Amino acid sequence: MALHQTLIRQAKLARSVNTKWQFLEAAHVAGQTQLKPHLQTHATMMKLAWQTRNLKELVGQLFRLVLVPIGHVLGRLPLGNPGRSNVNAFRSMAVRPDLLAVMQSARDGSVQAHTITAPTPPGNR
């Protein structure tokens, strides 16, 4: 899952918190069908929530970390869901255009986390 790892790495390199979240949301979409990347994404999201002192997000990520193995065992994964606490953990959805663009840039090798200025995703405004 090279795309997932690239997105996680870019999230860690990003300068702004919004850009970090955007990369992590894209990583969630890219890796959510495999247990290990899915868990890694939520653990990284939880770490960012802790670092930014975002209690709502921290609690949401703890909840999702518990749900991930259950979802994989039951085969009930909300595809397209960006994995944040501002989105229902059980809701499948179309992948947002901004996340598709980040994923495509990462695939092409043209993404550089320190040069991207992420728009504020819906629900974070």
N, C-alpha and C. Protein backbone atom coordinates (compact mmCIF):
# COMPACT_ATOMS: atom_id res chain seq x y z
N MET A 1 0.85 -1.20 0.00
CA MET A 1 0.00 0.00 0.00
C MET A 1 0.88 1.25 0.00
N ALA A 2 1.58 1.44 -1.09
CA ALA A 2 2.52 2.55 -1.21
C ALA A 2 1.82 3.91 -1.11
N LEU A 3 0.64 4.02 -1.71
CA LEU A 3 -0.09 5.29 -1.67
C LEU A 3 -0.40 5.67 -0.22
N HIS A 4 -0.90 4.73 0.54
CA HIS A 4 -1.22 5.00 1.94
C HIS A 4 0.00 5.48 2.71
N GLN A 5 1.12 4.80 2.55
CA GLN A 5 2.34 5.18 3.26
C GLN A 5 2.84 6.56 2.83
N THR A 6 2.72 6.87 1.55
CA THR A 6 3.11 8.19 1.05
C THR A 6 2.26 9.27 1.71
N LEU A 7 0.97 9.03 1.80
CA LEU A 7 0.06 10.01 2.40
C LEU A 7 0.34 10.19 3.89
N ILE A 8 0.61 9.11 4.60
CA ILE A 8 0.96 9.21 6.02
C ILE A 8 2.25 10.01 6.19
N ARG A 9 3.24 9.70 5.37
CA ARG A 9 4.52 10.42 5.43
C ARG A 9 4.33 11.91 5.14
N GLN A 10 3.52 12.23 4.14
CA GLN A 10 3.29 13.64 3.80
C GLN A 10 2.53 14.35 4.92
N ALA A 11 1.63 13.64 5.60
CA ALA A 11 0.91 14.24 6.73
C ALA A 11 1.89 14.63 7.82
N LYS A 12 2.86 13.78 8.06
CA LYS A 12 3.86 14.07 9.10
C LYS A 12 4.77 15.24 8.72
N LEU A 13 4.99 15.44 7.42
CA LEU A 13 5.85 16.52 6.94
C LEU A 13 5.13 17.86 6.78
N ALA A 14 3.81 17.80 6.69
CA ALA A 14 3.02 19.02 6.43
C ALA A 14 3.22 20.04 7.54
N ARG A 15 3.17 21.29 7.16
CA ARG A 15 3.38 22.38 8.11
C ARG A 15 2.11 22.79 8.84
N SER A 16 1.00 22.86 8.11
CA SER A 16 -0.24 23.32 8.75
C SER A 16 -1.06 22.14 9.24
N VAL A 17 -1.79 22.38 10.29
CA VAL A 17 -2.65 21.35 10.86
C VAL A 17 -3.72 20.93 9.85
N ASN A 18 -4.32 21.90 9.14
CA ASN A 18 -5.34 21.55 8.14
C ASN A 18 -4.77 20.64 7.05
N THR A 19 -3.54 20.90 6.63
CA THR A 19 -2.91 20.07 5.60
C THR A 19 -2.63 18.68 6.16
N LYS A 20 -2.18 18.60 7.40
CA LYS A 20 -1.96 17.30 8.04
C LYS A 20 -3.25 16.48 8.02
N TRP A 21 -4.35 17.12 8.42
CA TRP A 21 -5.64 16.42 8.44
C TRP A 21 -6.05 15.98 7.03
N GLN A 22 -5.82 16.84 6.05
CA GLN A 22 -6.22 16.48 4.69
C GLN A 22 -5.45 15.25 4.21
N PHE A 23 -4.17 15.19 4.46
CA PHE A 23 -3.39 14.01 4.09
C PHE A 23 -3.86 12.77 4.85
N LEU A 24 -4.17 12.93 6.13
CA LEU A 24 -4.63 11.79 6.91
C LEU A 24 -5.99 11.30 6.44
N GLU A 25 -6.87 12.22 6.07
CA GLU A 25 -8.17 11.81 5.54
C GLU A 25 -7.99 11.05 4.22
N ALA A 26 -7.10 11.53 3.38
CA ALA A 26 -6.82 10.83 2.12
C ALA A 26 -6.21 9.46 2.41
N ALA A 27 -5.31 9.38 3.40
CA ALA A 27 -4.71 8.10 3.78
C ALA A 27 -5.78 7.14 4.29
N HIS A 28 -6.76 7.67 5.01
CA HIS A 28 -7.85 6.83 5.51
C HIS A 28 -8.62 6.21 4.35
N VAL A 29 -8.97 7.03 3.39
CA VAL A 29 -9.70 6.53 2.22
C VAL A 29 -8.86 5.49 1.47
N ALA A 30 -7.58 5.78 1.30
CA ALA A 30 -6.70 4.88 0.54
C ALA A 30 -6.44 3.56 1.26
N GLY A 31 -6.43 3.57 2.59
CA GLY A 31 -6.03 2.37 3.32
C GLY A 31 -7.11 1.67 4.11
N GLN A 32 -8.34 2.15 4.04
CA GLN A 32 -9.35 1.63 4.94
C GLN A 32 -9.80 0.19 4.64
N THR A 33 -9.47 -0.35 3.50
CA THR A 33 -9.89 -1.73 3.20
C THR A 33 -8.90 -2.77 3.72
N GLN A 34 -7.77 -2.32 4.28
CA GLN A 34 -6.79 -3.24 4.86
C GLN A 34 -6.60 -2.89 6.33
N LEU A 35 -6.63 -3.90 7.17
CA LEU A 35 -6.62 -3.68 8.62
C LEU A 35 -5.44 -2.86 9.12
N LYS A 36 -4.23 -3.25 8.78
CA LYS A 36 -3.06 -2.56 9.33
C LYS A 36 -3.01 -1.08 8.92
N PRO A 37 -3.14 -0.74 7.62
CA PRO A 37 -3.15 0.68 7.27
C PRO A 37 -4.31 1.45 7.90
N HIS A 38 -5.46 0.80 8.01
CA HIS A 38 -6.63 1.45 8.61
C HIS A 38 -6.34 1.80 10.07
N LEU A 39 -5.80 0.84 10.81
CA LEU A 39 -5.44 1.11 12.21
C LEU A 39 -4.36 2.18 12.31
N GLN A 40 -3.37 2.11 11.43
CA GLN A 40 -2.28 3.08 11.45
C GLN A 40 -2.81 4.50 11.23
N THR A 41 -3.74 4.63 10.30
CA THR A 41 -4.29 5.96 10.02
C THR A 41 -5.01 6.51 11.24
N HIS A 42 -5.85 5.70 11.87
CA HIS A 42 -6.58 6.21 13.05
C HIS A 42 -5.63 6.48 14.21
N ALA A 43 -4.58 5.68 14.37
CA ALA A 43 -3.59 5.95 15.42
C ALA A 43 -2.87 7.27 15.16
N THR A 44 -2.56 7.53 13.90
CA THR A 44 -1.89 8.79 13.55
C THR A 44 -2.85 9.96 13.73
N MET A 45 -4.12 9.76 13.39
CA MET A 45 -5.13 10.81 13.62
C MET A 45 -5.27 11.09 15.12
N MET A 46 -5.26 10.04 15.91
CA MET A 46 -5.38 10.21 17.36
C MET A 46 -4.18 10.99 17.90
N LYS A 47 -2.99 10.69 17.39
CA LYS A 47 -1.79 11.40 17.82
C LYS A 47 -1.88 12.89 17.47
N LEU A 48 -2.36 13.20 16.26
CA LEU A 48 -2.51 14.61 15.88
C LEU A 48 -3.57 15.29 16.74
N ALA A 49 -4.65 14.59 17.03
CA ALA A 49 -5.68 15.17 17.91
C ALA A 49 -5.09 15.48 19.28
N TRP A 50 -4.25 14.59 19.79
CA TRP A 50 -3.59 14.81 21.08
C TRP A 50 -2.66 16.03 21.00
N GLN A 51 -1.85 16.08 19.94
CA GLN A 51 -0.89 17.18 19.78
C GLN A 51 -1.59 18.53 19.67
N THR A 52 -2.76 18.56 19.06
CA THR A 52 -3.49 19.82 18.87
C THR A 52 -4.51 20.07 19.98
N ARG A 53 -4.53 19.16 20.95
CA ARG A 53 -5.45 19.27 22.10
C ARG A 53 -6.92 19.34 21.66
N ASN A 54 -7.25 18.54 20.66
CA ASN A 54 -8.62 18.49 20.15
C ASN A 54 -9.31 17.30 20.81
N LEU A 55 -9.97 17.55 21.93
CA LEU A 55 -10.57 16.49 22.74
C LEU A 55 -11.65 15.74 21.98
N LYS A 56 -12.50 16.46 21.25
CA LYS A 56 -13.57 15.80 20.49
C LYS A 56 -12.97 14.82 19.48
N GLU A 57 -11.94 15.25 18.78
CA GLU A 57 -11.30 14.38 17.78
C GLU A 57 -10.58 13.22 18.46
N LEU A 58 -9.95 13.48 19.58
CA LEU A 58 -9.25 12.43 20.31
C LEU A 58 -10.23 11.31 20.72
N VAL A 59 -11.36 11.70 21.29
CA VAL A 59 -12.37 10.71 21.69
C VAL A 59 -12.90 9.99 20.45
N GLY A 60 -13.15 10.73 19.38
CA GLY A 60 -13.63 10.12 18.14
C GLY A 60 -12.65 9.11 17.58
N GLN A 61 -11.37 9.39 17.66
CA GLN A 61 -10.36 8.46 17.14
C GLN A 61 -10.23 7.23 18.03
N LEU A 62 -10.34 7.41 19.34
CA LEU A 62 -10.33 6.25 20.24
C LEU A 62 -11.49 5.31 19.91
N PHE A 63 -12.66 5.88 19.70
CA PHE A 63 -13.85 5.13 19.32
C PHE A 63 -13.61 4.37 18.02
N ARG A 64 -13.03 5.05 17.04
CA ARG A 64 -12.77 4.42 15.74
C ARG A 64 -11.71 3.32 15.83
N LEU A 65 -10.70 3.52 16.66
CA LEU A 65 -9.69 2.47 16.84
C LEU A 65 -10.31 1.18 17.38
N VAL A 66 -11.31 1.31 18.23
CA VAL A 66 -12.02 0.14 18.74
C VAL A 66 -12.87 -0.49 17.64
N LEU A 67 -13.49 0.35 16.81
CA LEU A 67 -14.39 -0.15 15.76
C LEU A 67 -13.69 -0.80 14.58
N VAL A 68 -12.48 -0.37 14.26
CA VAL A 68 -11.78 -0.85 13.06
C VAL A 68 -11.69 -2.37 12.99
N PRO A 69 -11.18 -3.04 14.01
CA PRO A 69 -11.10 -4.51 13.89
C PRO A 69 -12.47 -5.16 13.72
N ILE A 70 -13.47 -4.64 14.44
CA ILE A 70 -14.83 -5.18 14.34
C ILE A 70 -15.36 -5.00 12.92
N GLY A 71 -15.16 -3.82 12.35
CA GLY A 71 -15.60 -3.55 10.98
C GLY A 71 -14.94 -4.46 9.97
N HIS A 72 -13.68 -4.76 10.17
CA HIS A 72 -12.97 -5.65 9.25
C HIS A 72 -13.46 -7.09 9.39
N VAL A 73 -13.68 -7.54 10.60
CA VAL A 73 -14.17 -8.91 10.82
C VAL A 73 -15.57 -9.07 10.22
N LEU A 74 -16.41 -8.08 10.41
CA LEU A 74 -17.79 -8.15 9.91
C LEU A 74 -17.92 -7.75 8.45
N GLY A 75 -16.85 -7.21 7.88
CA GLY A 75 -16.91 -6.74 6.50
C GLY A 75 -17.79 -5.53 6.32
N ARG A 76 -17.85 -4.69 7.34
CA ARG A 76 -18.70 -3.50 7.30
C ARG A 76 -17.83 -2.26 7.44
N LEU A 77 -17.31 -1.80 6.31
CA LEU A 77 -16.45 -0.63 6.29
C LEU A 77 -17.14 0.49 5.53
N PRO A 78 -17.19 1.68 6.09
CA PRO A 78 -17.85 2.81 5.42
C PRO A 78 -16.93 3.42 4.36
N LEU A 79 -16.93 2.84 3.18
CA LEU A 79 -16.02 3.26 2.12
C LEU A 79 -16.21 4.73 1.76
N GLY A 80 -15.10 5.40 1.50
CA GLY A 80 -15.11 6.82 1.15
C GLY A 80 -15.13 7.74 2.35
N ASN A 81 -15.42 7.21 3.52
CA ASN A 81 -15.48 7.99 4.74
C ASN A 81 -14.07 8.49 5.08
N PRO A 82 -13.91 9.80 5.38
CA PRO A 82 -12.58 10.33 5.66
C PRO A 82 -12.04 10.00 7.05
N GLY A 83 -12.85 9.41 7.93
CA GLY A 83 -12.34 8.93 9.20
C GLY A 83 -12.25 9.91 10.34
N ARG A 84 -12.77 11.10 10.17
CA ARG A 84 -12.71 12.12 11.23
C ARG A 84 -13.93 12.04 12.14
N SER A 85 -13.84 12.66 13.29
CA SER A 85 -14.94 12.64 14.26
C SER A 85 -16.12 13.52 13.84
N ASN A 86 -15.92 14.38 12.85
CA ASN A 86 -17.02 15.24 12.39
C ASN A 86 -17.89 14.54 11.34
N VAL A 87 -17.59 13.25 11.08
CA VAL A 87 -18.35 12.45 10.12
C VAL A 87 -18.80 11.18 10.83
N ASN A 88 -20.03 10.76 10.59
CA ASN A 88 -20.55 9.54 11.18
C ASN A 88 -19.63 8.37 10.84
N ALA A 89 -19.19 7.64 11.84
CA ALA A 89 -18.24 6.54 11.66
C ALA A 89 -18.80 5.38 10.84
N PHE A 90 -20.10 5.33 10.67
CA PHE A 90 -20.73 4.22 9.96
C PHE A 90 -21.20 4.58 8.56
N ARG A 91 -20.99 5.82 8.14
CA ARG A 91 -21.53 6.32 6.88
C ARG A 91 -20.55 6.19 5.72
N SER A 92 -20.94 5.43 4.70
CA SER A 92 -20.18 5.40 3.45
C SER A 92 -20.53 6.65 2.68
N MET A 93 -19.61 7.12 1.85
CA MET A 93 -19.87 8.35 1.09
C MET A 93 -18.92 8.41 -0.10
N ALA A 94 -19.24 9.31 -1.01
CA ALA A 94 -18.34 9.55 -2.13
C ALA A 94 -17.08 10.24 -1.59
N VAL A 95 -15.96 9.92 -2.19
CA VAL A 95 -14.71 10.55 -1.78
C VAL A 95 -14.74 12.02 -2.19
N ARG A 96 -14.41 12.90 -1.26
CA ARG A 96 -14.41 14.34 -1.55
C ARG A 96 -13.40 14.67 -2.65
N PRO A 97 -13.72 15.63 -3.49
CA PRO A 97 -12.80 16.02 -4.57
C PRO A 97 -11.42 16.45 -4.09
N ASP A 98 -11.34 17.15 -2.96
CA ASP A 98 -10.02 17.58 -2.46
C ASP A 98 -9.17 16.38 -2.06
N LEU A 99 -9.79 15.34 -1.53
CA LEU A 99 -9.04 14.14 -1.15
C LEU A 99 -8.61 13.36 -2.38
N LEU A 100 -9.48 13.30 -3.39
CA LEU A 100 -9.11 12.65 -4.65
C LEU A 100 -7.89 13.35 -5.27
N ALA A 101 -7.88 14.67 -5.22
CA ALA A 101 -6.76 15.43 -5.79
C ALA A 101 -5.46 15.14 -5.03
N VAL A 102 -5.53 15.08 -3.71
CA VAL A 102 -4.35 14.78 -2.91
C VAL A 102 -3.86 13.37 -3.22
N MET A 103 -4.78 12.43 -3.32
CA MET A 103 -4.41 11.04 -3.62
C MET A 103 -3.77 10.94 -5.00
N GLN A 104 -4.32 11.65 -5.99
CA GLN A 104 -3.76 11.61 -7.34
C GLN A 104 -2.37 12.24 -7.36
N SER A 105 -2.19 13.33 -6.67
CA SER A 105 -0.87 13.97 -6.60
C SER A 105 0.16 13.05 -5.95
N ALA A 106 -0.26 12.34 -4.91
CA ALA A 106 0.65 11.40 -4.24
C ALA A 106 1.00 10.25 -5.17
N ARG A 107 0.02 9.77 -5.94
CA ARG A 107 0.28 8.69 -6.91
C ARG A 107 1.27 9.14 -7.97
N ASP A 108 1.11 10.38 -8.42
CA ASP A 108 1.97 10.94 -9.48
C ASP A 108 3.36 11.31 -8.96
N GLY A 109 3.50 11.40 -7.65
CA GLY A 109 4.77 11.82 -7.07
C GLY A 109 4.96 13.32 -7.10
N SER A 110 3.89 14.06 -7.39
CA SER A 110 4.01 15.52 -7.50
C SER A 110 3.63 16.25 -6.22
N VAL A 111 3.24 15.51 -5.20
CA VAL A 111 2.81 16.15 -3.97
C VAL A 111 4.02 16.44 -3.07
N GLN A 112 4.00 17.60 -2.49
CA GLN A 112 5.01 18.00 -1.51
C GLN A 112 4.25 18.64 -0.36
N ALA A 113 4.21 17.97 0.77
CA ALA A 113 3.40 18.41 1.90
C ALA A 113 3.72 19.83 2.33
N HIS A 114 4.97 20.22 2.26
CA HIS A 114 5.33 21.54 2.75
C HIS A 114 4.91 22.66 1.80
N THR A 115 4.47 22.31 0.58
CA THR A 115 4.04 23.34 -0.36
C THR A 115 2.54 23.38 -0.56
N ILE A 116 1.82 22.42 0.00
CA ILE A 116 0.36 22.38 -0.18
C ILE A 116 -0.31 23.24 0.87
N THR A 117 -1.24 24.03 0.43
CA THR A 117 -2.10 24.77 1.35
C THR A 117 -3.47 24.16 1.21
N ALA A 118 -3.84 23.41 2.20
CA ALA A 118 -5.11 22.69 2.14
C ALA A 118 -6.27 23.62 2.42
N PRO A 119 -7.35 23.46 1.65
CA PRO A 119 -8.56 24.18 2.00
C PRO A 119 -9.12 23.56 3.28
N THR A 120 -9.87 24.31 4.03
CA THR A 120 -10.49 23.75 5.21
C THR A 120 -11.60 22.82 4.76
N PRO A 121 -11.50 21.52 5.11
CA PRO A 121 -12.51 20.56 4.69
C PRO A 121 -13.89 20.91 5.25
N PRO A 122 -14.95 20.49 4.56
CA PRO A 122 -16.31 20.73 5.06
C PRO A 122 -16.44 20.14 6.47
N GLY A 123 -17.13 20.85 7.31
CA GLY A 123 -17.33 20.38 8.68
C GLY A 123 -16.27 20.86 9.65
N ASN A 124 -15.18 21.45 9.14
CA ASN A 124 -14.12 21.97 10.01
C ASN A 124 -14.10 23.50 10.01
N ARG A 125 -15.07 24.09 9.40
CA ARG A 125 -15.09 25.55 9.28
C ARG A 125 -15.71 26.19 10.48
